[in-house]
């Protein structure tokens, strides 16, 4: 079975509703409390380029996995692992 379909029963649809209805969902600290890596899909539907730049400026390490969809680790596992290079 497709991994996305297998995970679907564990997904809370209220997460999508919150994104669509304007509910405040971003609780990112102004600066990272600990070294923090953000891996983004290409393109990212949730983190537009301006937001990614703001995260970088705030001190977050932001890496893009070229060609990956929203579920980076499922869509491009090798790209996901490559994005961790030098981080772990």
C-alpha atoms as a PDB file:
ATOM      1  CA  UNK A   1       0.000   0.000   0.000  1.00  0.00           C
ATOM      2  CA  UNK A   2       1.141   3.539  -0.731  1.00  0.00           C
ATOM      3  CA  UNK A   3       2.752   5.088   2.387  1.00  0.00           C
ATOM      4  CA  UNK A   4       0.562   8.190   2.116  1.00  0.00           C
ATOM      5  CA  UNK A   5      -2.607   6.108   2.060  1.00  0.00           C
ATOM      6  CA  UNK A   6      -1.363   3.987   4.942  1.00  0.00           C
ATOM      7  CA  UNK A   7      -0.742   7.140   7.034  1.00  0.00           C
ATOM      8  CA  UNK A   8      -4.081   8.752   6.204  1.00  0.00           C
ATOM      9  CA  UNK A   9      -6.046   7.189   9.113  1.00  0.00           C
ATOM     10  CA  UNK A  10      -3.581   8.840  11.540  1.00  0.00           C
ATOM     11  CA  UNK A  11      -4.044  12.308  10.031  1.00  0.00           C
ATOM     12  CA  UNK A  12      -6.198  14.909  11.764  1.00  0.00           C
ATOM     13  CA  UNK A  13      -8.210  16.822   9.106  1.00  0.00           C
ATOM     14  CA  UNK A  14      -8.491  19.787  11.504  1.00  0.00           C
ATOM     15  CA  UNK A  15      -4.888  20.606  10.583  1.00  0.00           C
ATOM     16  CA  UNK A  16      -5.949  21.398   7.001  1.00  0.00           C
ATOM     17  CA  UNK A  17      -9.011  23.320   8.171  1.00  0.00           C
ATOM     18  CA  UNK A  18      -6.783  25.510  10.352  1.00  0.00           C
ATOM     19  CA  UNK A  19      -4.618  26.383   7.358  1.00  0.00           C
ATOM     20  CA  UNK A  20      -7.635  27.236   5.228  1.00  0.00           C
ATOM     21  CA  UNK A  21      -9.636  29.257   7.767  1.00  0.00           C
ATOM     22  CA  UNK A  22      -6.798  31.555   8.767  1.00  0.00           C
ATOM     23  CA  UNK A  23      -6.283  30.059  12.215  1.00  0.00           C
ATOM     24  CA  UNK A  24      -2.925  31.162  13.589  1.00  0.00           C
ATOM     25  CA  UNK A  25      -0.704  28.104  13.409  1.00  0.00           C
ATOM     26  CA  UNK A  26       2.817  29.469  13.216  1.00  0.00           C
ATOM     27  CA  UNK A  27       4.444  29.289  16.627  1.00  0.00           C
ATOM     28  CA  UNK A  28       7.999  29.593  15.351  1.00  0.00           C
ATOM     29  CA  UNK A  29      10.229  31.390  17.850  1.00  0.00           C
ATOM     30  CA  UNK A  30      11.808  34.673  16.737  1.00  0.00           C
ATOM     31  CA  UNK A  31      15.206  32.945  16.815  1.00  0.00           C
ATOM     32  CA  UNK A  32      16.045  29.272  17.185  1.00  0.00           C
ATOM     33  CA  UNK A  33      16.440  28.158  20.789  1.00  0.00           C
ATOM     34  CA  UNK A  34      18.713  25.333  19.655  1.00  0.00           C
ATOM     35  CA  UNK A  35      20.372  24.737  16.269  1.00  0.00           C
ATOM     36  CA  UNK A  36      17.384  24.135  13.990  1.00  0.00           C
ATOM     37  CA  UNK A  37      17.089  22.726  10.478  1.00  0.00           C
ATOM     38  CA  UNK A  38      14.067  23.384   8.272  1.00  0.00           C
ATOM     39  CA  UNK A  39      13.783  21.203   5.180  1.00  0.00           C
ATOM     40  CA  UNK A  40      11.409  22.462   2.507  1.00  0.00           C
ATOM     41  CA  UNK A  41       9.673  20.881  -0.436  1.00  0.00           C
ATOM     42  CA  UNK A  42      10.253  22.409  -3.858  1.00  0.00           C
ATOM     43  CA  UNK A  43       8.104  24.401  -4.108  1.00  0.00           C
ATOM     44  CA  UNK A  44       6.777  24.573  -0.563  1.00  0.00           C
ATOM     45  CA  UNK A  45       3.040  25.232  -0.307  1.00  0.00           C
ATOM     46  CA  UNK A  46       3.343  26.196   3.370  1.00  0.00           C
ATOM     47  CA  UNK A  47       6.603  28.168   3.481  1.00  0.00           C
ATOM     48  CA  UNK A  48       6.795  30.719   0.672  1.00  0.00           C
ATOM     49  CA  UNK A  49      10.232  32.051  -0.367  1.00  0.00           C
ATOM     50  CA  UNK A  50       9.871  35.245   1.700  1.00  0.00           C
ATOM     51  CA  UNK A  51       9.131  33.190   4.828  1.00  0.00           C
ATOM     52  CA  UNK A  52      12.089  30.886   4.111  1.00  0.00           C
ATOM     53  CA  UNK A  53      14.320  33.969   3.809  1.00  0.00           C
ATOM     54  CA  UNK A  54      12.970  35.326   7.113  1.00  0.00           C
ATOM     55  CA  UNK A  55      13.745  31.994   8.792  1.00  0.00           C
ATOM     56  CA  UNK A  56      17.307  32.114   7.441  1.00  0.00           C
ATOM     57  CA  UNK A  57      17.745  35.682   8.649  1.00  0.00           C
ATOM     58  CA  UNK A  58      16.473  34.651  12.084  1.00  0.00           C
ATOM     59  CA  UNK A  59      19.186  31.993  12.306  1.00  0.00           C
ATOM     60  CA  UNK A  60      17.426  28.835  11.121  1.00  0.00           C
ATOM     61  CA  UNK A  61      19.230  26.556   8.665  1.00  0.00           C
ATOM     62  CA  UNK A  62      16.836  26.249   5.704  1.00  0.00           C
ATOM     63  CA  UNK A  63      17.433  23.649   3.008  1.00  0.00           C
ATOM     64  CA  UNK A  64      15.308  22.868  -0.023  1.00  0.00           C
ATOM     65  CA  UNK A  65      14.965  19.340  -1.377  1.00  0.00           C
ATOM     66  CA  UNK A  66      14.717  20.065  -5.104  1.00  0.00           C
ATOM     67  CA  UNK A  67      11.734  18.455  -6.778  1.00  0.00           C
ATOM     68  CA  UNK A  68      10.317  16.970  -3.557  1.00  0.00           C
ATOM     69  CA  UNK A  69       6.671  17.289  -2.631  1.00  0.00           C
ATOM     70  CA  UNK A  70       5.191  18.217   0.735  1.00  0.00           C
ATOM     71  CA  UNK A  71       6.108  14.876   2.349  1.00  0.00           C
ATOM     72  CA  UNK A  72       9.810  15.139   1.592  1.00  0.00           C
ATOM     73  CA  UNK A  73      10.801  11.962   3.411  1.00  0.00           C
ATOM     74  CA  UNK A  74       8.227   9.943   1.446  1.00  0.00           C
ATOM     75  CA  UNK A  75       8.463  11.713  -1.903  1.00  0.00           C
ATOM     76  CA  UNK A  76      12.266  11.758  -2.118  1.00  0.00           C
ATOM     77  CA  UNK A  77      13.838   9.759   0.668  1.00  0.00           C
ATOM     78  CA  UNK A  78      17.340  10.020  -0.788  1.00  0.00           C
ATOM     79  CA  UNK A  79      16.929  13.796  -1.195  1.00  0.00           C
ATOM     80  CA  UNK A  80      15.658  14.013   2.384  1.00  0.00           C
ATOM     81  CA  UNK A  81      18.727  12.159   3.662  1.00  0.00           C
ATOM     82  CA  UNK A  82      21.026  14.275   1.475  1.00  0.00           C
ATOM     83  CA  UNK A  83      19.435  17.382   3.038  1.00  0.00           C
ATOM     84  CA  UNK A  84      20.588  16.134   6.433  1.00  0.00           C
ATOM     85  CA  UNK A  85      24.219  15.899   5.290  1.00  0.00           C
ATOM     86  CA  UNK A  86      26.488  17.567   7.795  1.00  0.00           C
ATOM     87  CA  UNK A  87      23.600  18.193  10.157  1.00  0.00           C
ATOM     88  CA  UNK A  88      23.412  14.934  12.087  1.00  0.00           C
END
